[in-house]
Amino acid sequence: MTLTTDVTVPRSGFAPLVRQIRAHGLLDRRRGRYALLIGLDVLAYAAIWGAVALVGPSWWQAVLVLPAAVFTTRLYFVGHDAGHGQIAATRRANRLLGLLVGNLGLGLSYGWWTDKHNRHHANPNHQDKDPDVSPGVLVWSTDQAAGRRGAFARWFTRNQGRLFLPLLLLEGINLKVSSVRYVVDRCRRGDRRGQACAEALLLGAHFGAYLGLLFTVLSPGAAIAFVLAHQALLGLHLGCAFAPNHKGMPMPKPGERWDHLRKQVLTSRNVRGGTLTDWFLGGLNYQIEHHLFPSMPRPHLRRAQPLVRDHCRLAGLPYTEEGPIESYATALRHLHAVGGGAKQA
């Protein structure tokens, strides 16, 4: 499965922007640039795990956990770009790359993630249609908060703004658990094309290599500690990349229908910054541009920003952009405000 990347031109004035973007070549593939980017990320990723093997049972392993999490996240960004068809010229090549990076390299089901992410891009911040804002451990609207039942659930919701960052430490493990459940369920139900079972084999190879290396090099206790620390820092880094993008932005009400331009611009927030921000957030800091043009290669997002910003100004649409600290604070304030809708026990 590949993420939806076709651009639908509604009657909203989106067409002139599409023409501008295409005229500047910003939807053209950048295969050479991606080959360099992916090559450097993979080399760094392999070097970290080579260092883990060479260092052996030593306290220096604690130093390696941080770069291991950072460069694992770098591969998540590559898988994200492959899912959107940003890298290779064909859907098949992007899918193959996504399977190798996601399932084999990271232990993340490419099929599960693309299905979920497709639905998010189709209806961002829509609480009935976007799986990223459906009620779960956290809630994203006062209606969802009011529906909480049970004293603990209401207490948790009222404090979710404070608990959000600690919860991100569990996100790395959550992604893997969700991936395994998805492929096991698909295999049990029967997968005529064999795609889910192929994903399961790749996931098995990943976990075998990942856990096999750590439990061979380290004592069982140290290996478990490394896994927990690695996945916790990975979840925190991923959360820092994804949390500011839509949290605290307008949420379409049930029955409301926004055109493509408004749907993507009004619900998205950019994170202001320079080269370091681009690198650390994997280009997702250009969330407005990415949502308007999901298949746009990551290196072109910065170049597209002035065109999109000017178009929004002419269309009378707010273009939301905040600094890193401000964007996280806004997201956390939203979670806290929404959580206040949970009734006292």
Protein backbone atom coordinates (compact mmCIF):
# COMPACT_ATOMS: atom_id res chain seq x y z
CA MET A 1 0.00 0.00 0.00
CA THR A 2 1.26 3.48 -0.86
CA LEU A 3 0.01 6.71 0.61
CA THR A 4 -2.41 8.77 -1.43
CA THR A 5 -0.44 11.47 -3.23
CA ASP A 6 -2.73 12.62 -6.04
CA VAL A 7 -3.55 16.32 -5.91
CA THR A 8 -7.24 17.07 -6.27
CA VAL A 9 -7.89 20.62 -7.44
CA PRO A 10 -11.12 21.91 -5.85
CA ARG A 11 -12.88 25.18 -6.57
CA SER A 12 -11.04 26.92 -3.77
CA GLY A 13 -8.24 28.59 -5.68
CA PHE A 14 -5.81 25.73 -5.11
CA ALA A 15 -5.19 25.30 -8.84
CA PRO A 16 -2.99 28.43 -9.24
CA LEU A 17 -0.75 27.20 -6.42
CA VAL A 18 -0.45 23.77 -8.03
CA ARG A 19 0.62 25.40 -11.29
CA GLN A 20 3.24 27.48 -9.49
CA ILE A 21 4.62 24.48 -7.65
CA ARG A 22 4.86 22.43 -10.83
CA ALA A 23 6.41 25.32 -12.78
CA HIS A 24 9.21 25.46 -10.22
CA GLY A 25 9.77 21.70 -10.52
CA LEU A 26 9.02 21.13 -6.86
CA LEU A 27 7.09 17.90 -7.47
CA ASP A 28 9.97 16.37 -9.44
CA ARG A 29 11.78 13.44 -7.82
CA ARG A 30 15.20 14.04 -6.24
CA ARG A 31 16.59 10.53 -6.50
CA GLY A 32 20.24 11.59 -6.31
CA ARG A 33 19.66 13.69 -3.22
CA TYR A 34 17.71 10.89 -1.57
CA ALA A 35 20.40 8.35 -2.47
CA LEU A 36 22.93 10.49 -0.61
CA LEU A 37 20.58 11.18 2.32
CA ILE A 38 19.58 7.53 2.73
CA GLY A 39 23.15 6.32 2.27
CA LEU A 40 24.44 8.59 5.05
CA ASP A 41 21.58 7.65 7.39
CA VAL A 42 22.05 3.93 6.79
CA LEU A 43 25.82 4.17 7.26
CA ALA A 44 25.36 6.05 10.53
CA TYR A 45 22.71 3.56 11.67
CA ALA A 46 24.97 0.60 10.86
CA ALA A 47 27.95 2.29 12.52
CA ILE A 48 26.02 2.76 15.76
CA TRP A 49 25.08 -0.91 15.93
CA GLY A 50 28.62 -1.88 14.97
CA ALA A 51 29.83 0.21 17.90
CA VAL A 52 27.34 -1.52 20.19
CA ALA A 53 28.80 -4.88 19.16
CA LEU A 54 32.42 -3.69 19.55
CA VAL A 55 31.98 -1.97 22.91
CA GLY A 56 30.47 -5.08 24.46
CA PRO A 57 29.44 -5.25 28.12
CA SER A 58 30.48 -1.75 29.15
CA TRP A 59 28.94 1.38 30.63
CA TRP A 60 29.81 3.05 27.33
CA GLN A 61 26.66 1.41 25.97
CA ALA A 62 24.71 4.10 27.84
CA VAL A 63 26.41 6.70 25.65
CA LEU A 64 25.41 4.84 22.48
CA VAL A 65 21.70 4.75 23.33
CA LEU A 66 21.15 8.40 22.35
CA PRO A 67 22.70 8.26 18.84
CA ALA A 68 20.99 4.90 18.31
CA ALA A 69 17.61 6.57 18.96
CA VAL A 70 18.42 9.59 16.79
CA PHE A 71 19.49 7.58 13.75
CA THR A 72 16.64 5.12 14.20
CA THR A 73 14.34 8.13 13.94
CA ARG A 74 16.20 9.20 10.79
CA LEU A 75 15.15 5.91 9.18
CA TYR A 76 11.55 6.51 10.27
CA PHE A 77 11.68 9.73 8.25
CA VAL A 78 12.93 7.77 5.21
CA GLY A 79 10.08 5.27 5.59
CA HIS A 80 7.62 8.14 5.84
CA ASP A 81 8.93 9.67 2.61
CA ALA A 82 8.82 6.32 0.81
CA GLY A 83 5.22 5.85 1.91
CA HIS A 84 4.30 9.16 0.30
CA GLY A 85 6.03 8.23 -2.96
CA GLN A 86 8.57 11.03 -2.54
CA ILE A 87 11.68 9.01 -3.28
CA ALA A 88 11.45 6.58 -6.22
CA ALA A 89 9.67 7.01 -9.54
CA THR A 90 7.32 4.02 -9.16
CA ARG A 91 4.88 2.89 -6.49
CA ARG A 92 6.44 -0.56 -6.43
CA ALA A 93 9.93 0.79 -5.76
CA ASN A 94 8.70 3.08 -2.99
CA ARG A 95 6.80 0.21 -1.39
CA LEU A 96 9.85 -2.07 -1.53
CA LEU A 97 11.96 0.63 0.07
CA GLY A 98 9.29 1.17 2.72
CA LEU A 99 9.20 -2.54 3.56
CA LEU A 100 12.98 -2.78 3.82
CA VAL A 101 13.32 0.35 5.93
CA GLY A 102 10.13 -0.09 7.98
CA ASN A 103 9.65 -3.79 8.56
CA LEU A 104 13.22 -5.02 8.28
CA GLY A 105 15.15 -2.00 9.51
CA LEU A 106 12.82 -0.65 12.20
CA GLY A 107 10.30 -3.31 13.18
CA LEU A 108 7.44 -1.10 11.95
CA SER A 109 4.68 -2.54 9.73
CA TYR A 110 4.64 -0.56 6.51
CA GLY A 111 1.11 -1.75 5.68
CA TRP A 112 -0.30 -0.77 9.07
CA TRP A 113 1.37 2.62 9.08
CA THR A 114 0.43 3.61 5.53
CA ASP A 115 -3.22 2.65 6.08
CA LYS A 116 -3.38 4.75 9.23
CA HIS A 117 -1.43 7.66 7.75
CA ASN A 118 -3.53 7.71 4.58
CA ARG A 119 -6.64 8.28 6.67
CA HIS A 120 -4.92 11.04 8.61
CA HIS A 121 -3.92 12.92 5.45
CA ALA A 122 -7.40 12.56 3.95
CA ASN A 123 -9.08 14.21 6.96
CA PRO A 124 -6.52 15.81 9.29
CA ASN A 125 -7.76 16.68 12.78
CA HIS A 126 -11.26 15.36 12.06
CA GLN A 127 -12.21 13.50 15.23
CA ASP A 128 -14.52 11.08 13.39
CA LYS A 129 -12.18 10.32 10.48
CA ASP A 130 -8.57 10.98 11.51
CA PRO A 131 -7.18 8.03 13.52
CA ASP A 132 -4.55 10.33 15.03
CA VAL A 133 -7.23 12.22 16.97
CA SER A 134 -9.57 9.38 17.80
CA PRO A 135 -10.03 8.94 21.57
CA GLY A 136 -7.59 6.51 23.13
CA VAL A 137 -5.16 6.99 25.97
CA LEU A 138 -5.45 10.71 25.20
CA VAL A 139 -8.41 12.78 24.03
CA TRP A 140 -8.25 15.70 21.63
CA SER A 141 -11.59 17.50 22.04
CA THR A 142 -13.86 18.53 24.88
CA ASP A 143 -16.55 16.18 23.54
CA GLN A 144 -14.17 13.25 23.84
CA ALA A 145 -13.13 14.36 27.34
CA ALA A 146 -16.75 14.64 28.48
CA GLY A 147 -17.30 11.04 27.43
CA ARG A 148 -14.68 9.63 29.80
CA ARG A 149 -16.06 7.08 32.27
CA GLY A 150 -14.45 5.96 35.49
CA ALA A 151 -12.60 7.91 38.17
CA PHE A 152 -9.10 6.97 36.96
CA ALA A 153 -9.89 7.74 33.31
CA ARG A 154 -11.24 11.16 34.24
CA TRP A 155 -8.25 11.91 36.47
CA PHE A 156 -5.87 10.82 33.72
CA THR A 157 -7.63 12.99 31.15
CA ARG A 158 -7.59 16.05 33.41
CA ASN A 159 -3.81 15.61 33.75
CA GLN A 160 -3.03 14.52 30.20
CA GLY A 161 -1.17 17.75 29.40
CA ARG A 162 1.32 16.97 32.16
CA LEU A 163 1.51 13.29 31.25
CA PHE A 164 1.99 13.77 27.51
CA LEU A 165 5.79 13.92 27.43
CA PRO A 166 6.22 10.90 29.75
CA LEU A 167 3.76 8.98 27.56
CA LEU A 168 5.92 9.66 24.51
CA LEU A 169 8.56 7.46 26.12
CA LEU A 170 6.23 4.51 25.42
CA GLU A 171 5.54 5.39 21.78
CA GLY A 172 8.44 3.38 20.33
CA ILE A 173 7.13 0.21 21.95
CA ASN A 174 3.54 1.09 21.06
CA LEU A 175 4.42 1.31 17.35
CA LYS A 176 5.98 -2.13 17.43
CA VAL A 177 3.11 -3.71 19.35
CA SER A 178 0.60 -2.20 16.90
CA SER A 179 2.66 -3.45 13.96
CA VAL A 180 2.83 -7.01 15.25
CA ARG A 181 -0.89 -7.08 16.05
CA TYR A 182 -1.71 -5.80 12.56
CA VAL A 183 0.32 -8.37 10.62
CA VAL A 184 -0.72 -11.27 12.87
CA ASP A 185 -4.38 -10.33 12.47
CA ARG A 186 -4.02 -10.01 8.69
CA CYS A 187 -2.25 -13.36 8.40
CA ARG A 188 -4.90 -15.12 10.53
CA ARG A 189 -7.74 -13.68 8.44
CA GLY A 190 -6.09 -14.87 5.26
CA ASP A 191 -4.00 -12.67 3.02
CA ARG A 192 -4.38 -13.90 -0.55
CA ARG A 193 -1.54 -11.76 -1.83
CA GLY A 194 0.73 -12.82 1.00
CA GLN A 195 1.66 -9.21 1.76
CA ALA A 196 0.96 -9.34 5.48
CA CYS A 197 2.79 -12.63 5.89
CA ALA A 198 5.76 -11.21 4.00
CA GLU A 199 5.66 -8.26 6.38
CA ALA A 200 5.57 -10.70 9.30
CA LEU A 201 8.72 -12.44 8.04
CA LEU A 202 10.54 -9.13 7.74
CA LEU A 203 9.40 -8.09 11.21
CA GLY A 204 10.63 -11.42 12.56
CA ALA A 205 14.02 -10.88 10.91
CA HIS A 206 14.25 -7.41 12.45
CA PHE A 207 13.42 -8.52 15.99
CA GLY A 208 15.71 -11.53 15.67
CA ALA A 209 18.66 -9.35 14.64
CA TYR A 210 17.89 -6.51 17.09
CA LEU A 211 17.35 -8.64 20.17
CA GLY A 212 19.89 -11.24 19.09
CA LEU A 213 22.66 -8.63 18.91
CA LEU A 214 21.85 -7.04 22.24
CA PHE A 215 21.38 -10.29 24.18
CA THR A 216 24.56 -11.71 22.65
CA VAL A 217 26.70 -8.68 23.47
CA LEU A 218 25.16 -7.73 26.83
CA SER A 219 23.90 -9.51 29.90
CA PRO A 220 20.12 -10.09 29.93
CA GLY A 221 19.54 -7.22 32.37
CA ALA A 222 21.74 -4.78 30.45
CA ALA A 223 20.14 -5.81 27.14
CA ILE A 224 16.64 -5.16 28.51
CA ALA A 225 17.78 -1.79 29.88
CA PHE A 226 19.26 -0.85 26.48
CA VAL A 227 16.04 -1.82 24.67
CA LEU A 228 13.87 0.18 27.07
CA ALA A 229 16.11 3.25 26.92
CA HIS A 230 16.45 3.05 23.13
CA GLN A 231 12.70 2.75 22.56
CA ALA A 232 11.95 5.49 25.10
CA LEU A 233 14.28 8.01 23.44
CA LEU A 234 13.01 6.95 20.02
CA GLY A 235 9.42 7.62 21.10
CA LEU A 236 10.39 10.99 22.53
CA HIS A 237 12.17 12.03 19.32
CA LEU A 238 9.28 10.90 17.13
CA GLY A 239 6.82 12.69 19.38
CA CYS A 240 8.83 15.90 19.11
CA ALA A 241 8.58 15.59 15.31
CA PHE A 242 4.85 14.84 15.15
CA ALA A 243 3.25 16.50 18.20
CA PRO A 244 3.42 20.17 17.08
CA ASN A 245 1.96 19.53 13.63
CA HIS A 246 -1.81 19.55 14.34
CA LYS A 247 -2.40 19.63 18.09
CA GLY A 248 -4.25 22.78 19.08
CA MET A 249 -5.25 23.58 15.50
CA PRO A 250 -8.91 23.81 14.36
CA MET A 251 -10.84 20.55 14.24
CA PRO A 252 -13.62 20.26 11.61
CA LYS A 253 -16.99 19.57 13.17
CA PRO A 254 -19.08 16.55 12.11
CA GLY A 255 -20.79 17.35 8.84
CA GLU A 256 -18.45 20.20 7.95
CA ARG A 257 -16.82 19.91 4.53
CA TRP A 258 -13.69 21.91 3.83
CA ASP A 259 -11.98 22.00 0.44
CA HIS A 260 -8.44 20.64 0.10
CA LEU A 261 -6.69 23.97 0.58
CA ARG A 262 -8.56 24.94 3.74
CA LYS A 263 -8.63 21.41 5.14
CA GLN A 264 -4.85 21.12 5.02
CA VAL A 265 -3.82 24.70 5.83
CA LEU A 266 -6.21 25.41 8.69
CA THR A 267 -5.43 22.19 10.55
CA SER A 268 -1.62 22.30 10.18
CA ARG A 269 1.15 24.20 11.93
CA ASN A 270 4.71 24.78 10.75
CA VAL A 271 7.67 24.87 13.12
CA ARG A 272 10.01 27.76 12.43
CA GLY A 273 13.75 27.09 12.32
CA GLY A 274 16.82 26.56 10.17
CA THR A 275 18.93 23.67 8.92
CA LEU A 276 19.18 22.00 12.34
CA THR A 277 15.39 22.08 12.79
CA ASP A 278 14.93 20.63 9.28
CA TRP A 279 17.33 17.80 10.11
CA PHE A 280 15.99 17.04 13.58
CA LEU A 281 12.33 17.06 12.48
CA GLY A 282 12.91 15.35 9.13
CA GLY A 283 11.19 18.09 7.14
CA LEU A 284 7.93 17.61 9.03
CA ASN A 285 8.35 21.12 10.36
CA TYR A 286 6.98 22.18 6.92
CA GLN A 287 3.69 20.52 7.79
CA ILE A 288 1.48 22.86 5.75
CA GLU A 289 3.49 22.31 2.57
CA HIS A 290 3.69 18.57 3.23
CA HIS A 291 -0.07 18.24 3.71
CA LEU A 292 -0.88 20.25 0.61
CA PHE A 293 1.59 18.25 -1.50
CA PRO A 294 2.27 14.89 0.20
CA SER A 295 4.37 13.57 -2.70
CA MET A 296 6.69 16.59 -2.71
CA PRO A 297 10.25 15.42 -1.95
CA ARG A 298 11.55 16.52 1.42
CA PRO A 299 14.37 18.70 -0.04
CA HIS A 300 11.76 20.84 -1.86
CA LEU A 301 9.59 21.71 1.13
CA ARG A 302 11.68 24.69 2.20
CA ARG A 303 11.64 26.05 -1.36
CA ALA A 304 7.87 25.66 -1.56
CA GLN A 305 7.23 27.54 1.67
CA PRO A 306 7.34 31.13 0.29
CA LEU A 307 4.97 30.18 -2.55
CA VAL A 308 2.50 28.57 -0.17
CA ARG A 309 2.71 31.39 2.35
CA ASP A 310 2.03 34.02 -0.32
CA HIS A 311 -0.85 32.00 -1.74
CA CYS A 312 -2.45 31.70 1.71
CA ARG A 313 -2.12 35.45 2.20
CA LEU A 314 -3.84 36.13 -1.13
CA ALA A 315 -6.55 33.58 -0.31
CA GLY A 316 -7.15 35.17 3.10
CA LEU A 317 -6.10 32.04 5.01
CA PRO A 318 -4.02 32.10 8.19
CA TYR A 319 -0.58 30.53 7.75
CA THR A 320 0.37 29.24 11.21
CA GLU A 321 4.06 29.06 12.01
CA GLU A 322 5.65 29.01 15.47
CA GLY A 323 9.06 28.46 16.99
CA PRO A 324 9.91 25.01 18.42
CA ILE A 325 9.30 25.86 22.08
CA GLU A 326 6.17 27.88 21.33
CA SER A 327 4.72 25.11 19.15
CA TYR A 328 5.21 22.46 21.84
CA ALA A 329 3.76 24.77 24.48
CA THR A 330 0.69 25.39 22.31
CA ALA A 331 0.16 21.65 21.85
CA LEU A 332 0.51 20.97 25.57
CA ARG A 333 -1.84 23.83 26.50
CA HIS A 334 -4.42 22.39 24.12
CA LEU A 335 -4.18 18.95 25.71
CA HIS A 336 -4.52 20.49 29.18
CA ALA A 337 -7.48 22.65 28.19
CA VAL A 338 -9.27 19.76 26.52
CA GLY A 339 -8.59 17.47 29.47
CA GLY A 340 -10.38 19.92 31.73
CA GLY A 341 -13.60 18.79 30.08
CA ALA A 342 -13.46 15.50 31.96
CA LYS A 343 -16.02 15.63 34.75
CA GLN A 344 -14.91 15.27 38.34
CA ALA A 345 -15.67 11.90 39.89
